[in-house]
């Protein structure tokens, strides 16, 4: 069980990183270098910006996948924490 949860946790982390990079590629040209660097430093800013501009940049599917990966990451880390104790 823990092995499956670990593999799924890694997959959701990779999915989150890929979505973050895709949204960053939309953030930089739209908001400029200063806010783009903020998006690199603070992924939460990129996540919120992505949801605020979901229709303008046509990234609804990316944001839904990122939200799913984020939520599943929280759940899987909870499962792994319980399994480790």
N, C-alpha and C. Protein backbone atom coordinates (compact mmCIF):
# COMPACT_ATOMS: atom_id res chain seq x y z
N UNK A 1 0.82 -1.20 0.00
CA UNK A 1 0.00 0.00 0.00
C UNK A 1 0.87 1.26 0.00
N UNK A 2 1.90 1.24 0.82
CA UNK A 2 2.76 2.41 0.91
C UNK A 2 3.53 2.62 -0.38
N UNK A 3 3.90 1.52 -1.04
CA UNK A 3 4.63 1.64 -2.31
C UNK A 3 3.75 2.28 -3.37
N UNK A 4 2.51 1.85 -3.46
CA UNK A 4 1.58 2.42 -4.44
C UNK A 4 1.34 3.89 -4.14
N UNK A 5 1.14 4.23 -2.88
CA UNK A 5 0.92 5.62 -2.49
C UNK A 5 2.16 6.47 -2.80
N UNK A 6 3.34 5.90 -2.61
CA UNK A 6 4.58 6.63 -2.92
C UNK A 6 4.70 6.90 -4.41
N UNK A 7 4.39 5.91 -5.21
CA UNK A 7 4.46 6.09 -6.67
C UNK A 7 3.44 7.12 -7.13
N UNK A 8 2.23 7.05 -6.59
CA UNK A 8 1.21 8.04 -6.94
C UNK A 8 1.59 9.44 -6.47
N UNK A 9 2.22 9.53 -5.30
CA UNK A 9 2.66 10.84 -4.80
C UNK A 9 3.72 11.44 -5.71
N UNK A 10 4.63 10.62 -6.19
CA UNK A 10 5.65 11.09 -7.12
C UNK A 10 5.00 11.55 -8.43
N UNK A 11 4.04 10.77 -8.93
CA UNK A 11 3.36 11.13 -10.17
C UNK A 11 2.59 12.45 -10.04
N UNK A 12 1.94 12.65 -8.91
CA UNK A 12 1.21 13.91 -8.72
C UNK A 12 2.17 15.09 -8.57
N UNK A 13 3.32 14.85 -7.97
CA UNK A 13 4.33 15.92 -7.86
C UNK A 13 4.85 16.31 -9.23
N UNK A 14 5.13 15.32 -10.06
CA UNK A 14 5.61 15.61 -11.42
C UNK A 14 4.52 16.34 -12.21
N UNK A 15 3.27 15.89 -12.06
CA UNK A 15 2.16 16.57 -12.73
C UNK A 15 2.03 18.02 -12.30
N UNK A 16 2.20 18.28 -11.02
CA UNK A 16 2.12 19.65 -10.51
C UNK A 16 3.24 20.51 -11.07
N UNK A 17 4.43 19.97 -11.14
CA UNK A 17 5.57 20.72 -11.67
C UNK A 17 5.36 21.06 -13.14
N UNK A 18 4.87 20.10 -13.91
CA UNK A 18 4.62 20.33 -15.34
C UNK A 18 3.55 21.42 -15.52
N UNK A 19 2.47 21.35 -14.76
CA UNK A 19 1.42 22.37 -14.85
C UNK A 19 1.95 23.74 -14.43
N UNK A 20 2.78 23.77 -13.39
CA UNK A 20 3.37 25.03 -12.92
C UNK A 20 4.21 25.67 -14.03
N UNK A 21 5.00 24.86 -14.72
CA UNK A 21 5.84 25.39 -15.81
C UNK A 21 4.98 25.90 -16.96
N UNK A 22 3.92 25.18 -17.29
CA UNK A 22 3.04 25.63 -18.38
C UNK A 22 2.40 26.97 -18.04
N UNK A 23 1.92 27.11 -16.80
CA UNK A 23 1.30 28.37 -16.40
C UNK A 23 2.34 29.48 -16.34
N UNK A 24 3.56 29.15 -15.92
CA UNK A 24 4.63 30.16 -15.91
C UNK A 24 4.90 30.69 -17.31
N UNK A 25 4.81 29.83 -18.32
CA UNK A 25 5.04 30.29 -19.70
C UNK A 25 3.96 31.26 -20.15
N UNK A 26 2.79 31.20 -19.54
CA UNK A 26 1.73 32.18 -19.82
C UNK A 26 1.90 33.44 -18.97
N UNK A 27 2.42 33.27 -17.76
CA UNK A 27 2.58 34.37 -16.82
C UNK A 27 3.64 35.37 -17.27
N UNK A 28 4.79 34.89 -17.71
CA UNK A 28 5.89 35.78 -18.07
C UNK A 28 5.52 36.80 -19.15
N UNK A 29 5.00 36.38 -20.30
CA UNK A 29 4.68 37.40 -21.32
C UNK A 29 3.53 38.33 -20.91
N UNK A 30 2.63 37.82 -20.09
CA UNK A 30 1.46 38.60 -19.71
C UNK A 30 1.76 39.64 -18.63
N UNK A 31 2.56 39.25 -17.65
CA UNK A 31 2.79 40.11 -16.48
C UNK A 31 4.19 40.70 -16.39
N UNK A 32 5.12 40.22 -17.18
CA UNK A 32 6.47 40.77 -17.16
C UNK A 32 7.41 39.95 -16.29
N UNK A 33 8.67 40.37 -16.32
CA UNK A 33 9.73 39.63 -15.64
C UNK A 33 9.59 39.66 -14.13
N UNK A 34 9.22 40.79 -13.56
CA UNK A 34 9.13 40.90 -12.10
C UNK A 34 8.14 39.93 -11.50
N UNK A 35 6.93 39.91 -12.02
CA UNK A 35 5.93 38.98 -11.51
C UNK A 35 6.21 37.56 -11.95
N UNK A 36 6.90 37.40 -13.08
CA UNK A 36 7.31 36.06 -13.50
C UNK A 36 8.29 35.45 -12.53
N UNK A 37 9.24 36.25 -12.06
CA UNK A 37 10.19 35.76 -11.05
C UNK A 37 9.47 35.46 -9.75
N UNK A 38 8.50 36.28 -9.39
CA UNK A 38 7.68 35.99 -8.21
C UNK A 38 6.97 34.65 -8.38
N UNK A 39 6.51 34.36 -9.59
CA UNK A 39 5.86 33.09 -9.87
C UNK A 39 6.81 31.91 -9.73
N UNK A 40 8.09 32.12 -10.00
CA UNK A 40 9.09 31.06 -9.82
C UNK A 40 9.34 30.85 -8.34
N UNK A 41 9.47 31.94 -7.60
CA UNK A 41 9.78 31.86 -6.17
C UNK A 41 8.58 31.33 -5.39
N UNK A 42 7.39 31.78 -5.74
CA UNK A 42 6.18 31.43 -4.99
C UNK A 42 5.17 30.77 -5.94
N UNK A 43 5.13 29.45 -5.90
CA UNK A 43 4.22 28.71 -6.77
C UNK A 43 2.76 29.01 -6.48
N UNK A 44 2.45 29.39 -5.25
CA UNK A 44 1.07 29.73 -4.90
C UNK A 44 0.60 30.94 -5.70
N UNK A 45 1.49 31.91 -5.92
CA UNK A 45 1.13 33.07 -6.74
C UNK A 45 0.78 32.62 -8.16
N UNK A 46 1.57 31.72 -8.71
CA UNK A 46 1.32 31.22 -10.06
C UNK A 46 -0.02 30.49 -10.11
N UNK A 47 -0.30 29.70 -9.08
CA UNK A 47 -1.55 28.95 -9.02
C UNK A 47 -2.75 29.90 -8.99
N UNK A 48 -2.69 30.90 -8.13
CA UNK A 48 -3.80 31.86 -8.01
C UNK A 48 -3.93 32.67 -9.30
N UNK A 49 -2.80 33.12 -9.86
CA UNK A 49 -2.83 33.87 -11.11
C UNK A 49 -3.44 33.03 -12.22
N UNK A 50 -3.11 31.75 -12.26
CA UNK A 50 -3.66 30.88 -13.28
C UNK A 50 -5.17 30.79 -13.20
N UNK A 51 -5.71 30.64 -11.99
CA UNK A 51 -7.16 30.56 -11.85
C UNK A 51 -7.82 31.90 -12.16
N UNK A 52 -7.16 33.00 -11.84
CA UNK A 52 -7.74 34.31 -12.13
C UNK A 52 -7.77 34.60 -13.63
N UNK A 53 -6.86 34.01 -14.38
CA UNK A 53 -6.74 34.28 -15.81
C UNK A 53 -7.04 33.05 -16.66
N UNK A 54 -7.83 32.13 -16.12
CA UNK A 54 -8.08 30.86 -16.78
C UNK A 54 -8.76 31.04 -18.14
N UNK A 55 -9.69 31.95 -18.25
CA UNK A 55 -10.39 32.16 -19.52
C UNK A 55 -9.58 32.99 -20.50
N UNK A 56 -8.85 33.95 -19.98
CA UNK A 56 -8.06 34.83 -20.84
C UNK A 56 -6.96 34.07 -21.58
N UNK A 57 -6.35 33.09 -20.92
CA UNK A 57 -5.23 32.36 -21.52
C UNK A 57 -5.61 30.93 -21.92
N UNK A 58 -6.88 30.58 -21.79
CA UNK A 58 -7.39 29.26 -22.18
C UNK A 58 -6.58 28.13 -21.54
N UNK A 59 -6.48 28.16 -20.21
CA UNK A 59 -5.72 27.15 -19.47
C UNK A 59 -6.59 26.43 -18.45
N UNK A 60 -7.88 26.30 -18.75
CA UNK A 60 -8.79 25.68 -17.79
C UNK A 60 -8.40 24.23 -17.52
N UNK A 61 -8.10 23.47 -18.57
CA UNK A 61 -7.73 22.06 -18.37
C UNK A 61 -6.44 21.93 -17.56
N UNK A 62 -5.49 22.79 -17.83
CA UNK A 62 -4.23 22.76 -17.08
C UNK A 62 -4.48 23.05 -15.61
N UNK A 63 -5.31 24.05 -15.33
CA UNK A 63 -5.59 24.40 -13.94
C UNK A 63 -6.39 23.32 -13.23
N UNK A 64 -7.30 22.66 -13.94
CA UNK A 64 -8.04 21.55 -13.33
C UNK A 64 -7.10 20.39 -12.99
N UNK A 65 -6.18 20.09 -13.90
CA UNK A 65 -5.20 19.02 -13.64
C UNK A 65 -4.31 19.41 -12.48
N UNK A 66 -3.85 20.66 -12.45
CA UNK A 66 -2.98 21.12 -11.37
C UNK A 66 -3.71 21.06 -10.03
N UNK A 67 -4.96 21.47 -10.01
CA UNK A 67 -5.75 21.41 -8.77
C UNK A 67 -5.93 19.97 -8.30
N UNK A 68 -6.20 19.07 -9.25
CA UNK A 68 -6.34 17.65 -8.91
C UNK A 68 -5.03 17.11 -8.34
N UNK A 69 -3.92 17.41 -8.99
CA UNK A 69 -2.62 16.94 -8.51
C UNK A 69 -2.31 17.50 -7.13
N UNK A 70 -2.64 18.77 -6.91
CA UNK A 70 -2.40 19.40 -5.62
C UNK A 70 -3.21 18.71 -4.52
N UNK A 71 -4.50 18.50 -4.78
CA UNK A 71 -5.35 17.84 -3.80
C UNK A 71 -4.94 16.40 -3.53
N UNK A 72 -4.62 15.67 -4.59
CA UNK A 72 -4.19 14.28 -4.43
C UNK A 72 -2.86 14.20 -3.70
N UNK A 73 -1.99 15.17 -3.91
CA UNK A 73 -0.72 15.20 -3.19
C UNK A 73 -0.93 15.33 -1.69
N UNK A 74 -1.87 16.16 -1.30
CA UNK A 74 -2.18 16.32 0.12
C UNK A 74 -2.72 15.01 0.69
N UNK A 75 -3.66 14.40 -0.02
CA UNK A 75 -4.25 13.15 0.45
C UNK A 75 -3.19 12.05 0.54
N UNK A 76 -2.38 11.91 -0.50
CA UNK A 76 -1.37 10.84 -0.52
C UNK A 76 -0.31 11.04 0.55
N UNK A 77 0.07 12.28 0.80
CA UNK A 77 1.04 12.52 1.87
C UNK A 77 0.44 12.18 3.23
N UNK A 78 -0.85 12.41 3.39
CA UNK A 78 -1.52 12.00 4.62
C UNK A 78 -1.53 10.48 4.77
N UNK A 79 -1.81 9.79 3.67
CA UNK A 79 -1.79 8.32 3.68
C UNK A 79 -0.41 7.80 4.02
N UNK A 80 0.60 8.39 3.42
CA UNK A 80 1.98 7.95 3.69
C UNK A 80 2.39 8.24 5.12
N UNK A 81 1.92 9.33 5.68
CA UNK A 81 2.23 9.66 7.07
C UNK A 81 1.61 8.64 8.01
N UNK A 82 0.36 8.28 7.75
CA UNK A 82 -0.32 7.28 8.57
C UNK A 82 0.32 5.91 8.40
N UNK A 83 0.69 5.57 7.16
CA UNK A 83 1.31 4.26 6.91
C UNK A 83 2.68 4.15 7.56
N UNK A 84 3.38 5.26 7.71
CA UNK A 84 4.72 5.23 8.30
C UNK A 84 4.67 5.05 9.81
N UNK A 85 3.56 5.39 10.43
CA UNK A 85 3.50 5.29 11.90
C UNK A 85 2.90 3.99 12.35
